[in-house]
Amino acid sequence: MGLKQIAYGPKKYIDNRMNIIDGTVVFLSIIELSMGSGGGALSAFRSVRVFRTFRVLRVARILRSLKSMQNIISVITRSASSFAYIAMLMIIFLFIYALLGI
């Protein structure tokens, strides 16, 4: 975040709304980490963790614009149903072997 502020300058950095959101999330995260992990006063900062997740999802939005990444995402979505069947089969085998182990 600091390098981005130096590169763009304060005026251009503040012009972009996503930079303001990112800066706020990073600033609140630093405050949360500096105050420690215990105490009821930090419950307000726990909601910041949700915004951290949204920050990570922004990267996925950027990757969707790449053509090769679109191919990879489409293959993953098509194979998700097959993975569900394989996962269920693995759980059944695990259950059977757990019963045999008893």
PDB file of N, CA and C in Angstrom:
ATOM      1  N   MET A   1       0.821  -1.172   0.000  1.00  0.00           N
ATOM      2  CA  MET A   1       0.000   0.000   0.000  1.00  0.00           C
ATOM      3  C   MET A   1       0.875   1.250   0.000  1.00  0.00           C
ATOM      4  N   GLY A   2       1.913   1.228   0.800  1.00  0.00           N
ATOM      5  CA  GLY A   2       2.810   2.372   0.872  1.00  0.00           C
ATOM      6  C   GLY A   2       3.514   2.641  -0.444  1.00  0.00           C
ATOM      7  N   LEU A   3       3.960   1.571  -1.095  1.00  0.00           N
ATOM      8  CA  LEU A   3       4.627   1.737  -2.388  1.00  0.00           C
ATOM      9  C   LEU A   3       3.670   2.284  -3.440  1.00  0.00           C
ATOM     10  N   LYS A   4       2.426   1.861  -3.354  1.00  0.00           N
ATOM     11  CA  LYS A   4       1.432   2.348  -4.309  1.00  0.00           C
ATOM     12  C   LYS A   4       1.176   3.842  -4.098  1.00  0.00           C
ATOM     13  N   GLN A   5       1.167   4.269  -2.847  1.00  0.00           N
ATOM     14  CA  GLN A   5       0.986   5.695  -2.567  1.00  0.00           C
ATOM     15  C   GLN A   5       2.160   6.515  -3.089  1.00  0.00           C
ATOM     16  N   ILE A   6       3.354   5.970  -2.930  1.00  0.00           N
ATOM     17  CA  ILE A   6       4.539   6.666  -3.427  1.00  0.00           C
ATOM     18  C   ILE A   6       4.517   6.729  -4.955  1.00  0.00           C
ATOM     19  N   ALA A   7       4.124   5.621  -5.597  1.00  0.00           N
ATOM     20  CA  ALA A   7       4.141   5.565  -7.056  1.00  0.00           C
ATOM     21  C   ALA A   7       3.097   6.495  -7.672  1.00  0.00           C
ATOM     22  N   TYR A   8       1.863   6.469  -7.151  1.00  0.00           N
ATOM     23  CA  TYR A   8       0.794   7.281  -7.725  1.00  0.00           C
ATOM     24  C   TYR A   8       0.803   8.719  -7.224  1.00  0.00           C
ATOM     25  N   GLY A   9       1.281   8.908  -6.023  1.00  0.00           N
ATOM     26  CA  GLY A   9       1.156  10.223  -5.403  1.00  0.00           C
ATOM     27  C   GLY A   9      -0.156  10.287  -4.635  1.00  0.00           C
ATOM     28  N   PRO A  10      -0.243  11.155  -3.644  1.00  0.00           N
ATOM     29  CA  PRO A  10      -1.438  11.187  -2.797  1.00  0.00           C
ATOM     30  C   PRO A  10      -2.730  11.511  -3.555  1.00  0.00           C
ATOM     31  N   LYS A  11      -2.675  12.430  -4.504  1.00  0.00           N
ATOM     32  CA  LYS A  11      -3.883  12.850  -5.214  1.00  0.00           C
ATOM     33  C   LYS A  11      -4.465  11.725  -6.063  1.00  0.00           C
ATOM     34  N   LYS A  12      -3.629  11.062  -6.882  1.00  0.00           N
ATOM     35  CA  LYS A  12      -4.113   9.971  -7.735  1.00  0.00           C
ATOM     36  C   LYS A  12      -4.524   8.757  -6.905  1.00  0.00           C
ATOM     37  N   TYR A  13      -3.831   8.533  -5.798  1.00  0.00           N
ATOM     38  CA  TYR A  13      -4.155   7.383  -4.948  1.00  0.00           C
ATOM     39  C   TYR A  13      -5.554   7.544  -4.352  1.00  0.00           C
ATOM     40  N   ILE A  14      -5.901   8.725  -3.917  1.00  0.00           N
ATOM     41  CA  ILE A  14      -7.199   8.957  -3.287  1.00  0.00           C
ATOM     42  C   ILE A  14      -8.315   9.020  -4.326  1.00  0.00           C
ATOM     43  N   ASP A  15      -8.005   9.329  -5.573  1.00  0.00           N
ATOM     44  CA  ASP A  15      -9.030   9.407  -6.613  1.00  0.00           C
ATOM     45  C   ASP A  15      -9.708   8.061  -6.874  1.00  0.00           C
ATOM     46  N   ASN A  16      -8.984   6.966  -6.683  1.00  0.00           N
ATOM     47  CA  ASN A  16      -9.541   5.637  -6.910  1.00  0.00           C
ATOM     48  C   ASN A  16     -10.214   5.154  -5.624  1.00  0.00           C
ATOM     49  N   ARG A  17     -11.508   4.799  -5.710  1.00  0.00           N
ATOM     50  CA  ARG A  17     -12.254   4.349  -4.533  1.00  0.00           C
ATOM     51  C   ARG A  17     -11.705   3.043  -3.951  1.00  0.00           C
ATOM     52  N   MET A  18     -11.246   2.149  -4.815  1.00  0.00           N
ATOM     53  CA  MET A  18     -10.739   0.867  -4.309  1.00  0.00           C
ATOM     54  C   MET A  18      -9.474   1.063  -3.485  1.00  0.00           C
ATOM     55  N   ASN A  19      -8.673   2.055  -3.833  1.00  0.00           N
ATOM     56  CA  ASN A  19      -7.492   2.347  -3.031  1.00  0.00           C
ATOM     57  C   ASN A  19      -7.877   2.831  -1.641  1.00  0.00           C
ATOM     58  N   ILE A  20      -8.950   3.607  -1.547  1.00  0.00           N
ATOM     59  CA  ILE A  20      -9.409   4.090  -0.246  1.00  0.00           C
ATOM     60  C   ILE A  20      -9.894   2.916   0.608  1.00  0.00           C
ATOM     61  N   ILE A  21     -10.652   2.001  -0.017  1.00  0.00           N
ATOM     62  CA  ILE A  21     -11.131   0.825   0.712  1.00  0.00           C
ATOM     63  C   ILE A  21      -9.955  -0.030   1.166  1.00  0.00           C
ATOM     64  N   ASP A  22      -8.997  -0.266   0.271  1.00  0.00           N
ATOM     65  CA  ASP A  22      -7.823  -1.057   0.630  1.00  0.00           C
ATOM     66  C   ASP A  22      -7.042  -0.400   1.759  1.00  0.00           C
ATOM     67  N   GLY A  23      -6.851   0.900   1.660  1.00  0.00           N
ATOM     68  CA  GLY A  23      -6.109   1.609   2.695  1.00  0.00           C
ATOM     69  C   GLY A  23      -6.796   1.537   4.044  1.00  0.00           C
ATOM     70  N   THR A  24      -8.122   1.666   4.045  1.00  0.00           N
ATOM     71  CA  THR A  24      -8.877   1.586   5.289  1.00  0.00           C
ATOM     72  C   THR A  24      -8.771   0.198   5.905  1.00  0.00           C
ATOM     73  N   VAL A  25      -8.919  -0.838   5.085  1.00  0.00           N
ATOM     74  CA  VAL A  25      -8.835  -2.211   5.592  1.00  0.00           C
ATOM     75  C   VAL A  25      -7.445  -2.488   6.154  1.00  0.00           C
ATOM     76  N   VAL A  26      -6.408  -2.060   5.455  1.00  0.00           N
ATOM     77  CA  VAL A  26      -5.044  -2.288   5.930  1.00  0.00           C
ATOM     78  C   VAL A  26      -4.794  -1.522   7.220  1.00  0.00           C
ATOM     79  N   PHE A  27      -5.253  -0.280   7.277  1.00  0.00           N
ATOM     80  CA  PHE A  27      -5.054   0.542   8.473  1.00  0.00           C
ATOM     81  C   PHE A  27      -5.766  -0.069   9.682  1.00  0.00           C
ATOM     82  N   LEU A  28      -7.026  -0.507   9.509  1.00  0.00           N
ATOM     83  CA  LEU A  28      -7.755  -1.127  10.613  1.00  0.00           C
ATOM     84  C   LEU A  28      -7.151  -2.467  11.013  1.00  0.00           C
ATOM     85  N   SER A  29      -6.608  -3.200  10.050  1.00  0.00           N
ATOM     86  CA  SER A  29      -5.949  -4.468  10.369  1.00  0.00           C
ATOM     87  C   SER A  29      -4.698  -4.240  11.192  1.00  0.00           C
ATOM     88  N   ILE A  30      -3.945  -3.203  10.861  1.00  0.00           N
ATOM     89  CA  ILE A  30      -2.743  -2.890  11.632  1.00  0.00           C
ATOM     90  C   ILE A  30      -3.121  -2.490  13.054  1.00  0.00           C
ATOM     91  N   ILE A  31      -4.193  -1.712  13.206  1.00  0.00           N
ATOM     92  CA  ILE A  31      -4.648  -1.336  14.550  1.00  0.00           C
ATOM     93  C   ILE A  31      -5.069  -2.576  15.331  1.00  0.00           C
ATOM     94  N   GLU A  32      -5.811  -3.488  14.680  1.00  0.00           N
ATOM     95  CA  GLU A  32      -6.257  -4.710  15.350  1.00  0.00           C
ATOM     96  C   GLU A  32      -5.073  -5.551  15.813  1.00  0.00           C
ATOM     97  N   LEU A  33      -4.069  -5.694  14.957  1.00  0.00           N
ATOM     98  CA  LEU A  33      -2.901  -6.499  15.320  1.00  0.00           C
ATOM     99  C   LEU A  33      -2.083  -5.844  16.424  1.00  0.00           C
ATOM    100  N   SER A  34      -2.020  -4.526  16.428  1.00  0.00           N
ATOM    101  CA  SER A  34      -1.211  -3.861  17.437  1.00  0.00           C
ATOM    102  C   SER A  34      -1.872  -3.874  18.810  1.00  0.00           C
ATOM    103  N   MET A  35      -3.202  -3.989  18.874  1.00  0.00           N
ATOM    104  CA  MET A  35      -3.901  -3.984  20.155  1.00  0.00           C
ATOM    105  C   MET A  35      -3.944  -5.363  20.797  1.00  0.00           C
ATOM    106  N   GLY A  36      -3.563  -6.390  20.108  1.00  0.00           N
ATOM    107  CA  GLY A  36      -3.567  -7.737  20.669  1.00  0.00           C
ATOM    108  C   GLY A  36      -4.811  -8.493  20.277  1.00  0.00           C
ATOM    109  N   SER A  37      -4.888  -9.752  20.716  1.00  0.00           N
ATOM    110  CA  SER A  37      -6.001 -10.603  20.306  1.00  0.00           C
ATOM    111  C   SER A  37      -7.063 -10.762  21.372  1.00  0.00           C
ATOM    112  N   GLY A  38      -6.894 -10.243  22.579  1.00  0.00           N
ATOM    113  CA  GLY A  38      -7.873 -10.409  23.644  1.00  0.00           C
ATOM    114  C   GLY A  38      -8.642  -9.144  23.900  1.00  0.00           C
ATOM    115  N   GLY A  39      -9.832  -9.298  24.507  1.00  0.00           N
ATOM    116  CA  GLY A  39     -10.600  -8.128  24.905  1.00  0.00           C
ATOM    117  C   GLY A  39     -11.856  -7.949  24.100  1.00  0.00           C
ATOM    118  N   GLY A  40     -12.858  -7.349  24.745  1.00  0.00           N
ATOM    119  CA  GLY A  40     -14.130  -7.118  24.084  1.00  0.00           C
ATOM    120  C   GLY A  40     -14.106  -5.917  23.169  1.00  0.00           C
ATOM    121  N   ALA A  41     -13.163  -5.013  23.370  1.00  0.00           N
ATOM    122  CA  ALA A  41     -13.104  -3.805  22.540  1.00  0.00           C
ATOM    123  C   ALA A  41     -12.738  -4.134  21.101  1.00  0.00           C
ATOM    124  N   LEU A  42     -12.120  -5.271  20.895  1.00  0.00           N
ATOM    125  CA  LEU A  42     -11.699  -5.633  19.539  1.00  0.00           C
ATOM    126  C   LEU A  42     -12.795  -6.284  18.726  1.00  0.00           C
ATOM    127  N   SER A  43     -13.975  -6.495  19.311  1.00  0.00           N
ATOM    128  CA  SER A  43     -15.041  -7.143  18.547  1.00  0.00           C
ATOM    129  C   SER A  43     -15.459  -6.292  17.354  1.00  0.00           C
ATOM    130  N   ALA A  44     -15.292  -4.978  17.459  1.00  0.00           N
ATOM    131  CA  ALA A  44     -15.617  -4.118  16.321  1.00  0.00           C
ATOM    132  C   ALA A  44     -14.637  -4.337  15.179  1.00  0.00           C
ATOM    133  N   PHE A  45     -13.399  -4.678  15.505  1.00  0.00           N
ATOM    134  CA  PHE A  45     -12.398  -4.886  14.462  1.00  0.00           C
ATOM    135  C   PHE A  45     -12.523  -6.253  13.798  1.00  0.00           C
ATOM    136  N   ARG A  46     -13.279  -7.140  14.395  1.00  0.00           N
ATOM    137  CA  ARG A  46     -13.418  -8.479  13.804  1.00  0.00           C
ATOM    138  C   ARG A  46     -14.165  -8.435  12.482  1.00  0.00           C
ATOM    139  N   SER A  47     -15.012  -7.441  12.302  1.00  0.00           N
ATOM    140  CA  SER A  47     -15.728  -7.318  11.033  1.00  0.00           C
ATOM    141  C   SER A  47     -14.799  -6.929   9.895  1.00  0.00           C
ATOM    142  N   VAL A  48     -13.608  -6.437  10.235  1.00  0.00           N
ATOM    143  CA  VAL A  48     -12.630  -6.067   9.213  1.00  0.00           C
ATOM    144  C   VAL A  48     -12.163  -7.311   8.463  1.00  0.00           C
ATOM    145  N   ARG A  49     -12.214  -8.446   9.118  1.00  0.00           N
ATOM    146  CA  ARG A  49     -11.767  -9.691   8.475  1.00  0.00           C
ATOM    147  C   ARG A  49     -12.593 -10.018   7.242  1.00  0.00           C
ATOM    148  N   VAL A  50     -13.865  -9.647   7.256  1.00  0.00           N
ATOM    149  CA  VAL A  50     -14.720  -9.861   6.083  1.00  0.00           C
ATOM    150  C   VAL A  50     -14.206  -9.027   4.919  1.00  0.00           C
ATOM    151  N   PHE A  51     -13.816  -7.791   5.198  1.00  0.00           N
ATOM    152  CA  PHE A  51     -13.307  -6.926   4.140  1.00  0.00           C
ATOM    153  C   PHE A  51     -11.971  -7.417   3.608  1.00  0.00           C
ATOM    154  N   ARG A  52     -11.183  -8.086   4.460  1.00  0.00           N
ATOM    155  CA  ARG A  52      -9.927  -8.685   3.973  1.00  0.00           C
ATOM    156  C   ARG A  52     -10.230  -9.720   2.901  1.00  0.00           C
ATOM    157  N   THR A  53     -11.293 -10.485   3.116  1.00  0.00           N
ATOM    158  CA  THR A  53     -11.682 -11.491   2.126  1.00  0.00           C
ATOM    159  C   THR A  53     -12.051 -10.826   0.806  1.00  0.00           C
ATOM    160  N   PHE A  54     -12.774  -9.717   0.865  1.00  0.00           N
ATOM    161  CA  PHE A  54     -13.135  -9.010  -0.361  1.00  0.00           C
ATOM    162  C   PHE A  54     -11.903  -8.478  -1.079  1.00  0.00           C
ATOM    163  N   ARG A  55     -10.881  -8.085  -0.312  1.00  0.00           N
ATOM    164  CA  ARG A  55      -9.633  -7.628  -0.930  1.00  0.00           C
ATOM    165  C   ARG A  55      -8.995  -8.745  -1.741  1.00  0.00           C
ATOM    166  N   VAL A  56      -9.032  -9.960  -1.189  1.00  0.00           N
ATOM    167  CA  VAL A  56      -8.448 -11.108  -1.892  1.00  0.00           C
ATOM    168  C   VAL A  56      -9.266 -11.433  -3.138  1.00  0.00           C
ATOM    169  N   LEU A  57     -10.577 -11.303  -3.054  1.00  0.00           N
ATOM    170  CA  LEU A  57     -11.427 -11.620  -4.200  1.00  0.00           C
ATOM    171  C   LEU A  57     -11.236 -10.638  -5.346  1.00  0.00           C
ATOM    172  N   ARG A  58     -10.728  -9.445  -5.066  1.00  0.00           N
ATOM    173  CA  ARG A  58     -10.427  -8.489  -6.140  1.00  0.00           C
ATOM    174  C   ARG A  58      -9.389  -9.046  -7.100  1.00  0.00           C
ATOM    175  N   VAL A  59      -8.438  -9.810  -6.557  1.00  0.00           N
ATOM    176  CA  VAL A  59      -7.408 -10.405  -7.401  1.00  0.00           C
ATOM    177  C   VAL A  59      -8.048 -11.393  -8.371  1.00  0.00           C
ATOM    178  N   ALA A  60      -9.046 -12.133  -7.904  1.00  0.00           N
ATOM    179  CA  ALA A  60      -9.730 -13.076  -8.784  1.00  0.00           C
ATOM    180  C   ALA A  60     -10.444 -12.342  -9.910  1.00  0.00           C
ATOM    181  N   ARG A  61     -10.986 -11.164  -9.623  1.00  0.00           N
ATOM    182  CA  ARG A  61     -11.652 -10.382 -10.658  1.00  0.00           C
ATOM    183  C   ARG A  61     -10.659  -9.934 -11.725  1.00  0.00           C
ATOM    184  N   ILE A  62      -9.468  -9.570 -11.301  1.00  0.00           N
ATOM    185  CA  ILE A  62      -8.434  -9.153 -12.253  1.00  0.00           C
ATOM    186  C   ILE A  62      -7.991 -10.334 -13.103  1.00  0.00           C
ATOM    187  N   LEU A  63      -7.863 -11.503 -12.477  1.00  0.00           N
ATOM    188  CA  LEU A  63      -7.417 -12.682 -13.216  1.00  0.00           C
ATOM    189  C   LEU A  63      -8.445 -13.147 -14.236  1.00  0.00           C
ATOM    190  N   ARG A  64      -9.731 -12.844 -13.999  1.00  0.00           N
ATOM    191  CA  ARG A  64     -10.760 -13.241 -14.953  1.00  0.00           C
ATOM    192  C   ARG A  64     -10.610 -12.532 -16.289  1.00  0.00           C
ATOM    193  N   SER A  65      -9.981 -11.385 -16.298  1.00  0.00           N
ATOM    194  CA  SER A  65      -9.840 -10.641 -17.544  1.00  0.00           C
ATOM    195  C   SER A  65      -8.804 -11.267 -18.486  1.00  0.00           C
ATOM    196  N   LEU A  66      -7.937 -12.102 -17.967  1.00  0.00           N
ATOM    197  CA  LEU A  66      -6.953 -12.780 -18.819  1.00  0.00           C
ATOM    198  C   LEU A  66      -7.602 -13.943 -19.550  1.00  0.00           C
ATOM    199  N   LYS A  67      -7.315 -14.086 -20.840  1.00  0.00           N
ATOM    200  CA  LYS A  67      -7.942 -15.133 -21.654  1.00  0.00           C
ATOM    201  C   LYS A  67      -7.524 -16.528 -21.183  1.00  0.00           C
ATOM    202  N   SER A  68      -6.259 -16.728 -20.895  1.00  0.00           N
ATOM    203  CA  SER A  68      -5.807 -18.052 -20.443  1.00  0.00           C
ATOM    204  C   SER A  68      -6.423 -18.396 -19.098  1.00  0.00           C
ATOM    205  N   MET A  69      -6.602 -17.394 -18.224  1.00  0.00           N
ATOM    206  CA  MET A  69      -7.205 -17.656 -16.934  1.00  0.00           C
ATOM    207  C   MET A  69      -8.695 -17.982 -17.076  1.00  0.00           C
ATOM    208  N   GLN A  70      -9.348 -17.396 -18.088  1.00  0.00           N
ATOM    209  CA  GLN A  70     -10.746 -17.738 -18.343  1.00  0.00           C
ATOM    210  C   GLN A  70     -10.885 -19.204 -18.721  1.00  0.00           C
ATOM    211  N   ASN A  71      -9.937 -19.716 -19.497  1.00  0.00           N
ATOM    212  CA  ASN A  71      -9.960 -21.137 -19.860  1.00  0.00           C
ATOM    213  C   ASN A  71      -9.796 -22.010 -18.623  1.00  0.00           C
ATOM    214  N   ILE A  72      -8.883 -21.642 -17.750  1.00  0.00           N
ATOM    215  CA  ILE A  72      -8.642 -22.432 -16.538  1.00  0.00           C
ATOM    216  C   ILE A  72      -9.863 -22.406 -15.626  1.00  0.00           C
ATOM    217  N   ILE A  73     -10.485 -21.248 -15.474  1.00  0.00           N
ATOM    218  CA  ILE A  73     -11.668 -21.137 -14.621  1.00  0.00           C
ATOM    219  C   ILE A  73     -12.825 -21.943 -15.183  1.00  0.00           C
ATOM    220  N   SER A  74     -13.003 -21.934 -16.500  1.00  0.00           N
ATOM    221  CA  SER A  74     -14.087 -22.716 -17.097  1.00  0.00           C
ATOM    222  C   SER A  74     -13.858 -24.217 -16.922  1.00  0.00           C
ATOM    223  N   VAL A  75     -12.618 -24.665 -17.014  1.00  0.00           N
ATOM    224  CA  VAL A  75     -12.319 -26.088 -16.795  1.00  0.00           C
ATOM    225  C   VAL A  75     -12.590 -26.463 -15.340  1.00  0.00           C
ATOM    226  N   ILE A  76     -12.222 -25.598 -14.416  1.00  0.00           N
ATOM    227  CA  ILE A  76     -12.445 -25.884 -12.993  1.00  0.00           C
ATOM    228  C   ILE A  76     -13.942 -25.960 -12.697  1.00  0.00           C
ATOM    229  N   THR A  77     -14.733 -25.049 -13.252  1.00  0.00           N
ATOM    230  CA  THR A  77     -16.174 -25.091 -12.988  1.00  0.00           C
ATOM    231  C   THR A  77     -16.832 -26.320 -13.607  1.00  0.00           C
ATOM    232  N   ARG A  78     -16.369 -26.739 -14.774  1.00  0.00           N
ATOM    233  CA  ARG A  78     -16.935 -27.949 -15.388  1.00  0.00           C
ATOM    234  C   ARG A  78     -16.555 -29.203 -14.625  1.00  0.00           C
ATOM    235  N   SER A  79     -15.381 -29.224 -14.022  1.00  0.00           N
ATOM    236  CA  SER A  79     -14.941 -30.422 -13.317  1.00  0.00           C
ATOM    237  C   SER A  79     -15.376 -30.451 -11.853  1.00  0.00           C
ATOM    238  N   ALA A  80     -16.028 -29.404 -11.374  1.00  0.00           N
ATOM    239  CA  ALA A  80     -16.436 -29.350  -9.972  1.00  0.00           C
ATOM    240  C   ALA A  80     -17.458 -30.431  -9.646  1.00  0.00           C
ATOM    241  N   SER A  81     -18.391 -30.706 -10.553  1.00  0.00           N
ATOM    242  CA  SER A  81     -19.391 -31.744 -10.280  1.00  0.00           C
ATOM    243  C   SER A  81     -18.743 -33.121 -10.219  1.00  0.00           C
ATOM    244  N   SER A  82     -17.772 -33.368 -11.068  1.00  0.00           N
ATOM    245  CA  SER A  82     -17.061 -34.649 -11.027  1.00  0.00           C
ATOM    246  C   SER A  82     -16.276 -34.771  -9.733  1.00  0.00           C
ATOM    247  N   PHE A  83     -15.714 -33.677  -9.272  1.00  0.00           N
ATOM    248  CA  PHE A  83     -14.969 -33.707  -8.014  1.00  0.00           C
ATOM    249  C   PHE A  83     -15.885 -34.035  -6.843  1.00  0.00           C
ATOM    250  N   ALA A  84     -17.133 -33.578  -6.901  1.00  0.00           N
ATOM    251  CA  ALA A  84     -18.077 -33.869  -5.827  1.00  0.00           C
ATOM    252  C   ALA A  84     -18.329 -35.373  -5.742  1.00  0.00           C
ATOM    253  N   TYR A  85     -18.463 -36.040  -6.868  1.00  0.00           N
ATOM    254  CA  TYR A  85     -18.676 -37.484  -6.865  1.00  0.00           C
ATOM    255  C   TYR A  85     -17.448 -38.225  -6.334  1.00  0.00           C
ATOM    256  N   ILE A  86     -16.283 -37.790  -6.735  1.00  0.00           N
ATOM    257  CA  ILE A  86     -15.051 -38.424  -6.248  1.00  0.00           C
ATOM    258  C   ILE A  86     -14.901 -38.207  -4.750  1.00  0.00           C
ATOM    259  N   ALA A  87     -15.246 -37.011  -4.272  1.00  0.00           N
ATOM    260  CA  ALA A  87     -15.157 -36.731  -2.838  1.00  0.00           C
ATOM    261  C   ALA A  87     -16.116 -37.617  -2.048  1.00  0.00           C
ATOM    262  N   MET A  88     -17.337 -37.807  -2.557  1.00  0.00           N
ATOM    263  CA  MET A  88     -18.290 -38.693  -1.874  1.00  0.00           C
ATOM    264  C   MET A  88     -17.783 -40.125  -1.847  1.00  0.00           C
ATOM    265  N   LEU A  89     -17.183 -40.576  -2.936  1.00  0.00           N
ATOM    266  CA  LEU A  89     -16.628 -41.927  -2.984  1.00  0.00           C
ATOM    267  C   LEU A  89     -15.498 -42.083  -1.976  1.00  0.00           C
ATOM    268  N   MET A  90     -14.651 -41.058  -1.856  1.00  0.00           N
ATOM    269  CA  MET A  90     -13.554 -41.111  -0.884  1.00  0.00           C
ATOM    270  C   MET A  90     -14.092 -41.148   0.548  1.00  0.00           C
ATOM    271  N   ILE A  91     -15.159 -40.402   0.820  1.00  0.00           N
ATOM    272  CA  ILE A  91     -15.751 -40.405   2.165  1.00  0.00           C
ATOM    273  C   ILE A  91     -16.340 -41.769   2.480  1.00  0.00           C
ATOM    274  N   ILE A  92     -16.969 -42.410   1.495  1.00  0.00           N
ATOM    275  CA  ILE A  92     -17.520 -43.754   1.713  1.00  0.00           C
ATOM    276  C   ILE A  92     -16.397 -44.735   2.021  1.00  0.00           C
ATOM    277  N   PHE A  93     -15.290 -44.681   1.250  1.00  0.00           N
ATOM    278  CA  PHE A  93     -14.155 -45.563   1.535  1.00  0.00           C
ATOM    279  C   PHE A  93     -13.568 -45.292   2.913  1.00  0.00           C
ATOM    280  N   LEU A  94     -13.463 -44.039   3.279  1.00  0.00           N
ATOM    281  CA  LEU A  94     -12.938 -43.689   4.596  1.00  0.00           C
ATOM    282  C   LEU A  94     -13.841 -44.233   5.693  1.00  0.00           C
ATOM    283  N   PHE A  95     -15.147 -44.132   5.508  1.00  0.00           N
ATOM    284  CA  PHE A  95     -16.094 -44.654   6.481  1.00  0.00           C
ATOM    285  C   PHE A  95     -15.982 -46.170   6.609  1.00  0.00           C
ATOM    286  N   ILE A  96     -15.868 -46.856   5.466  1.00  0.00           N
ATOM    287  CA  ILE A  96     -15.757 -48.321   5.481  1.00  0.00           C
ATOM    288  C   ILE A  96     -14.468 -48.743   6.186  1.00  0.00           C
ATOM    289  N   TYR A  97     -13.359 -48.111   5.867  1.00  0.00           N
ATOM    290  CA  TYR A  97     -12.086 -48.480   6.503  1.00  0.00           C
ATOM    291  C   TYR A  97     -12.087 -48.111   7.988  1.00  0.00           C
ATOM    292  N   ALA A  98     -12.805 -47.052   8.358  1.00  0.00           N
ATOM    293  CA  ALA A  98     -12.901 -46.714   9.790  1.00  0.00           C
ATOM    294  C   ALA A  98     -13.692 -47.779  10.527  1.00  0.00           C
ATOM    295  N   LEU A  99     -14.766 -48.292   9.907  1.00  0.00           N
ATOM    296  CA  LEU A  99     -15.529 -49.363  10.531  1.00  0.00           C
ATOM    297  C   LEU A  99     -14.709 -50.645  10.633  1.00  0.00           C
ATOM    298  N   LEU A 100     -13.939 -50.941   9.589  1.00  0.00           N
ATOM    299  CA  LEU A 100     -13.090 -52.136   9.638  1.00  0.00           C
ATOM    300  C   LEU A 100     -11.989 -51.995  10.684  1.00  0.00           C
ATOM    301  N   GLY A 101     -11.518 -50.771  10.905  1.00  0.00           N
ATOM    302  CA  GLY A 101     -10.463 -50.537  11.895  1.00  0.00           C
ATOM    303  C   GLY A 101     -10.946 -50.711  13.328  1.00  0.00           C
ATOM    304  N   ILE A 102     -12.226 -50.513  13.537  1.00  0.00           N
ATOM    305  CA  ILE A 102     -12.778 -50.667  14.892  1.00  0.00           C
ATOM    306  C   ILE A 102     -12.828 -52.136  15.204  1.00  0.00           C
TER     307      ILE A 102
END
